[in-house]
Amino acid sequence: MNSRYNDIRTHQSADQAENSLGWVVANTRFTADALAYGTCVGLYLLSWDYPKNNGLKDRVNVLGLYPITVSELLTAQEKNFLLGRNIVLCKQLLNDRFYLDHLGVSESRKAKIINEINHLCNESK
């Protein structure tokens, strides 16, 4: 972890290196050894559940940043279509509902999808 950060720091100016902070971000959990090492060498660690009450899971929930892949109503093909158009978050689909029209989604199914996504995004608040 730290060696990559040190490689980057060697190519920064003295001011940049002094004011920079190395981060390790993982969408899983850190082992106890990884936490001990990262803390010891001064890296900022962010994982699914670390730091406590401010890990990725907490940030996703607080900010409502759910990926469209969590939708149980969208098919895999529909999700791929949306991802291919840089619609990654449920909030984005709420703002760009016309993509559901491009997919040929019926009005009744569209209403169910929007309801599901609204529920997800508002549940976090």
C-alpha atoms as a PDB file:
ATOM      1  CA  MET A   1       0.000   0.000   0.000  1.00  0.00           C
ATOM      2  CA  ASN A   2       2.508   2.526   1.137  1.00  0.00           C
ATOM      3  CA  SER A   3       5.146   1.832  -1.514  1.00  0.00           C
ATOM      4  CA  ARG A   4       2.848   3.059  -4.324  1.00  0.00           C
ATOM      5  CA  TYR A   5       2.158   6.236  -2.365  1.00  0.00           C
ATOM      6  CA  ASN A   6       5.886   6.754  -1.785  1.00  0.00           C
ATOM      7  CA  ASP A   7       6.548   6.273  -5.517  1.00  0.00           C
ATOM      8  CA  ILE A   8       4.091   9.072  -6.285  1.00  0.00           C
ATOM      9  CA  ARG A   9       5.527  11.358  -3.613  1.00  0.00           C
ATOM     10  CA  THR A  10       9.021  11.126  -5.096  1.00  0.00           C
ATOM     11  CA  HIS A  11       7.724  12.844  -8.248  1.00  0.00           C
ATOM     12  CA  GLN A  12       5.984  15.682  -6.434  1.00  0.00           C
ATOM     13  CA  SER A  13       7.432  19.032  -5.504  1.00  0.00           C
ATOM     14  CA  ALA A  14       8.439  19.486  -1.867  1.00  0.00           C
ATOM     15  CA  ASP A  15       5.287  21.539  -1.155  1.00  0.00           C
ATOM     16  CA  GLN A  16       3.017  18.970  -2.780  1.00  0.00           C
ATOM     17  CA  ALA A  17       4.650  16.036  -1.009  1.00  0.00           C
ATOM     18  CA  GLU A  18       4.452  17.760   2.362  1.00  0.00           C
ATOM     19  CA  ASN A  19       0.744  18.507   1.970  1.00  0.00           C
ATOM     20  CA  SER A  20      -0.326  15.214   0.428  1.00  0.00           C
ATOM     21  CA  LEU A  21      -2.035  12.334   2.131  1.00  0.00           C
ATOM     22  CA  GLY A  22      -2.001   8.773   0.866  1.00  0.00           C
ATOM     23  CA  TRP A  23      -5.350   7.004   0.721  1.00  0.00           C
ATOM     24  CA  VAL A  24      -6.246   3.348   0.461  1.00  0.00           C
ATOM     25  CA  VAL A  25      -9.879   2.827  -0.482  1.00  0.00           C
ATOM     26  CA  ALA A  26     -11.373  -0.664  -0.628  1.00  0.00           C
ATOM     27  CA  ASN A  27     -14.951  -1.757  -1.226  1.00  0.00           C
ATOM     28  CA  THR A  28     -14.374  -4.688   1.142  1.00  0.00           C
ATOM     29  CA  ARG A  29     -13.040  -4.837   4.685  1.00  0.00           C
ATOM     30  CA  PHE A  30      -9.480  -4.317   5.896  1.00  0.00           C
ATOM     31  CA  THR A  31      -7.753  -7.029   7.883  1.00  0.00           C
ATOM     32  CA  ALA A  32      -6.461  -6.133  11.329  1.00  0.00           C
ATOM     33  CA  ASP A  33      -2.915  -6.235   9.912  1.00  0.00           C
ATOM     34  CA  ALA A  34      -3.816  -3.837   7.072  1.00  0.00           C
ATOM     35  CA  LEU A  35      -5.405  -1.418   9.550  1.00  0.00           C
ATOM     36  CA  ALA A  36      -2.372  -1.567  11.829  1.00  0.00           C
ATOM     37  CA  TYR A  37       0.082  -1.076   8.959  1.00  0.00           C
ATOM     38  CA  GLY A  38      -1.871   1.720   7.266  1.00  0.00           C
ATOM     39  CA  THR A  39      -2.313   3.584  10.533  1.00  0.00           C
ATOM     40  CA  CYS A  40       1.362   3.150  11.412  1.00  0.00           C
ATOM     41  CA  VAL A  41       2.622   4.613   8.108  1.00  0.00           C
ATOM     42  CA  GLY A  42       0.054   7.436   8.107  1.00  0.00           C
ATOM     43  CA  LEU A  43      -2.269   6.367   5.288  1.00  0.00           C
ATOM     44  CA  TYR A  44      -5.923   7.391   5.272  1.00  0.00           C
ATOM     45  CA  LEU A  45      -7.919   4.174   5.187  1.00  0.00           C
ATOM     46  CA  LEU A  46     -11.471   3.915   3.861  1.00  0.00           C
ATOM     47  CA  SER A  47     -13.332   0.636   3.457  1.00  0.00           C
ATOM     48  CA  TRP A  48     -16.827  -0.752   3.612  1.00  0.00           C
ATOM     49  CA  ASP A  49     -16.976  -0.392   7.390  1.00  0.00           C
ATOM     50  CA  TYR A  50     -13.911   1.686   8.282  1.00  0.00           C
ATOM     51  CA  PRO A  51     -13.648   4.268   9.781  1.00  0.00           C
ATOM     52  CA  LYS A  52     -16.454   3.301  12.092  1.00  0.00           C
ATOM     53  CA  ASN A  53     -19.629   5.262  11.272  1.00  0.00           C
ATOM     54  CA  ASN A  54     -17.918   6.870   8.260  1.00  0.00           C
ATOM     55  CA  GLY A  55     -17.058   3.929   6.003  1.00  0.00           C
ATOM     56  CA  LEU A  56     -18.278   3.484   2.445  1.00  0.00           C
ATOM     57  CA  LYS A  57     -21.508   1.821   3.584  1.00  0.00           C
ATOM     58  CA  ASP A  58     -22.324   4.777   5.837  1.00  0.00           C
ATOM     59  CA  ARG A  59     -21.456   7.307   3.131  1.00  0.00           C
ATOM     60  CA  VAL A  60     -23.590   5.525   0.532  1.00  0.00           C
ATOM     61  CA  ASN A  61     -26.531   5.408   2.927  1.00  0.00           C
ATOM     62  CA  VAL A  62     -26.249   9.020   4.112  1.00  0.00           C
ATOM     63  CA  LEU A  63     -25.823  10.408   0.597  1.00  0.00           C
ATOM     64  CA  GLY A  64     -28.204   7.955  -1.100  1.00  0.00           C
ATOM     65  CA  LEU A  65     -25.574   6.998  -3.679  1.00  0.00           C
ATOM     66  CA  TYR A  66     -27.016   3.655  -4.688  1.00  0.00           C
ATOM     67  CA  PRO A  67     -25.895   2.186  -8.011  1.00  0.00           C
ATOM     68  CA  ILE A  68     -28.610   1.281 -10.505  1.00  0.00           C
ATOM     69  CA  THR A  69     -27.390  -2.289 -10.283  1.00  0.00           C
ATOM     70  CA  VAL A  70     -29.235  -2.628  -6.954  1.00  0.00           C
ATOM     71  CA  SER A  71     -32.582  -2.290  -8.712  1.00  0.00           C
ATOM     72  CA  GLU A  72     -34.576  -5.496  -8.569  1.00  0.00           C
ATOM     73  CA  LEU A  73     -36.917  -4.317 -11.319  1.00  0.00           C
ATOM     74  CA  LEU A  74     -34.422  -3.406 -14.042  1.00  0.00           C
ATOM     75  CA  THR A  75     -33.202  -6.310 -16.163  1.00  0.00           C
ATOM     76  CA  ALA A  76     -29.501  -6.960 -16.718  1.00  0.00           C
ATOM     77  CA  GLN A  77     -29.885  -5.704 -20.294  1.00  0.00           C
ATOM     78  CA  GLU A  78     -31.538  -2.486 -19.103  1.00  0.00           C
ATOM     79  CA  LYS A  79     -28.833  -1.936 -16.496  1.00  0.00           C
ATOM     80  CA  ASN A  80     -26.137  -2.419 -19.133  1.00  0.00           C
ATOM     81  CA  PHE A  81     -27.909   0.051 -21.432  1.00  0.00           C
ATOM     82  CA  LEU A  82     -27.990   2.662 -18.664  1.00  0.00           C
ATOM     83  CA  LEU A  83     -24.401   2.028 -17.581  1.00  0.00           C
ATOM     84  CA  GLY A  84     -23.336   2.411 -21.199  1.00  0.00           C
ATOM     85  CA  ARG A  85     -24.813   5.906 -21.089  1.00  0.00           C
ATOM     86  CA  ASN A  86     -23.032   6.779 -17.833  1.00  0.00           C
ATOM     87  CA  ILE A  87     -26.157   6.390 -15.728  1.00  0.00           C
ATOM     88  CA  VAL A  88     -24.535   4.734 -12.728  1.00  0.00           C
ATOM     89  CA  LEU A  89     -26.519   5.995  -9.752  1.00  0.00           C
ATOM     90  CA  CYS A  90     -30.208   5.690  -9.022  1.00  0.00           C
ATOM     91  CA  LYS A  91     -30.320   9.467  -8.486  1.00  0.00           C
ATOM     92  CA  GLN A  92     -29.111   9.969 -12.050  1.00  0.00           C
ATOM     93  CA  LEU A  93     -31.952   7.881 -13.426  1.00  0.00           C
ATOM     94  CA  LEU A  94     -34.436   9.951 -11.445  1.00  0.00           C
ATOM     95  CA  ASN A  95     -33.064  13.044 -13.193  1.00  0.00           C
ATOM     96  CA  ASP A  96     -32.902  11.382 -16.628  1.00  0.00           C
ATOM     97  CA  ARG A  97     -36.069   9.283 -16.742  1.00  0.00           C
ATOM     98  CA  PHE A  98     -36.241   9.622 -20.522  1.00  0.00           C
ATOM     99  CA  TYR A  99     -33.763   6.732 -20.715  1.00  0.00           C
ATOM    100  CA  LEU A 100     -36.577   4.453 -19.615  1.00  0.00           C
ATOM    101  CA  ASP A 101     -38.550   5.666 -22.638  1.00  0.00           C
ATOM    102  CA  HIS A 102     -35.590   4.820 -24.887  1.00  0.00           C
ATOM    103  CA  LEU A 103     -35.671   1.332 -23.424  1.00  0.00           C
ATOM    104  CA  GLY A 104     -39.345   0.986 -24.322  1.00  0.00           C
ATOM    105  CA  VAL A 105     -40.423   0.501 -20.718  1.00  0.00           C
ATOM    106  CA  SER A 106     -44.209   0.615 -20.334  1.00  0.00           C
ATOM    107  CA  GLU A 107     -45.718   3.441 -18.284  1.00  0.00           C
ATOM    108  CA  SER A 108     -46.896   1.071 -15.537  1.00  0.00           C
ATOM    109  CA  ARG A 109     -43.488  -0.609 -15.251  1.00  0.00           C
ATOM    110  CA  LYS A 110     -41.760   2.772 -15.444  1.00  0.00           C
ATOM    111  CA  ALA A 111     -43.836   3.944 -12.465  1.00  0.00           C
ATOM    112  CA  LYS A 112     -42.786   0.858 -10.478  1.00  0.00           C
ATOM    113  CA  ILE A 113     -39.105   1.389 -11.310  1.00  0.00           C
ATOM    114  CA  ILE A 114     -39.259   5.066 -10.358  1.00  0.00           C
ATOM    115  CA  ASN A 115     -41.065   4.151  -7.132  1.00  0.00           C
ATOM    116  CA  GLU A 116     -38.379   1.585  -6.279  1.00  0.00           C
ATOM    117  CA  ILE A 117     -35.578   4.078  -6.929  1.00  0.00           C
ATOM    118  CA  ASN A 118     -37.331   6.874  -5.027  1.00  0.00           C
ATOM    119  CA  HIS A 119     -37.743   4.504  -2.094  1.00  0.00           C
ATOM    120  CA  LEU A 120     -34.029   3.646  -2.166  1.00  0.00           C
ATOM    121  CA  CYS A 121     -32.852   7.242  -2.439  1.00  0.00           C
ATOM    122  CA  ASN A 122     -35.233   8.610   0.184  1.00  0.00           C
ATOM    123  CA  GLU A 123     -34.788   5.732   2.611  1.00  0.00           C
ATOM    124  CA  SER A 124     -31.323   7.010   3.461  1.00  0.00           C
ATOM    125  CA  LYS A 125     -32.583  10.387   4.666  1.00  0.00           C
END
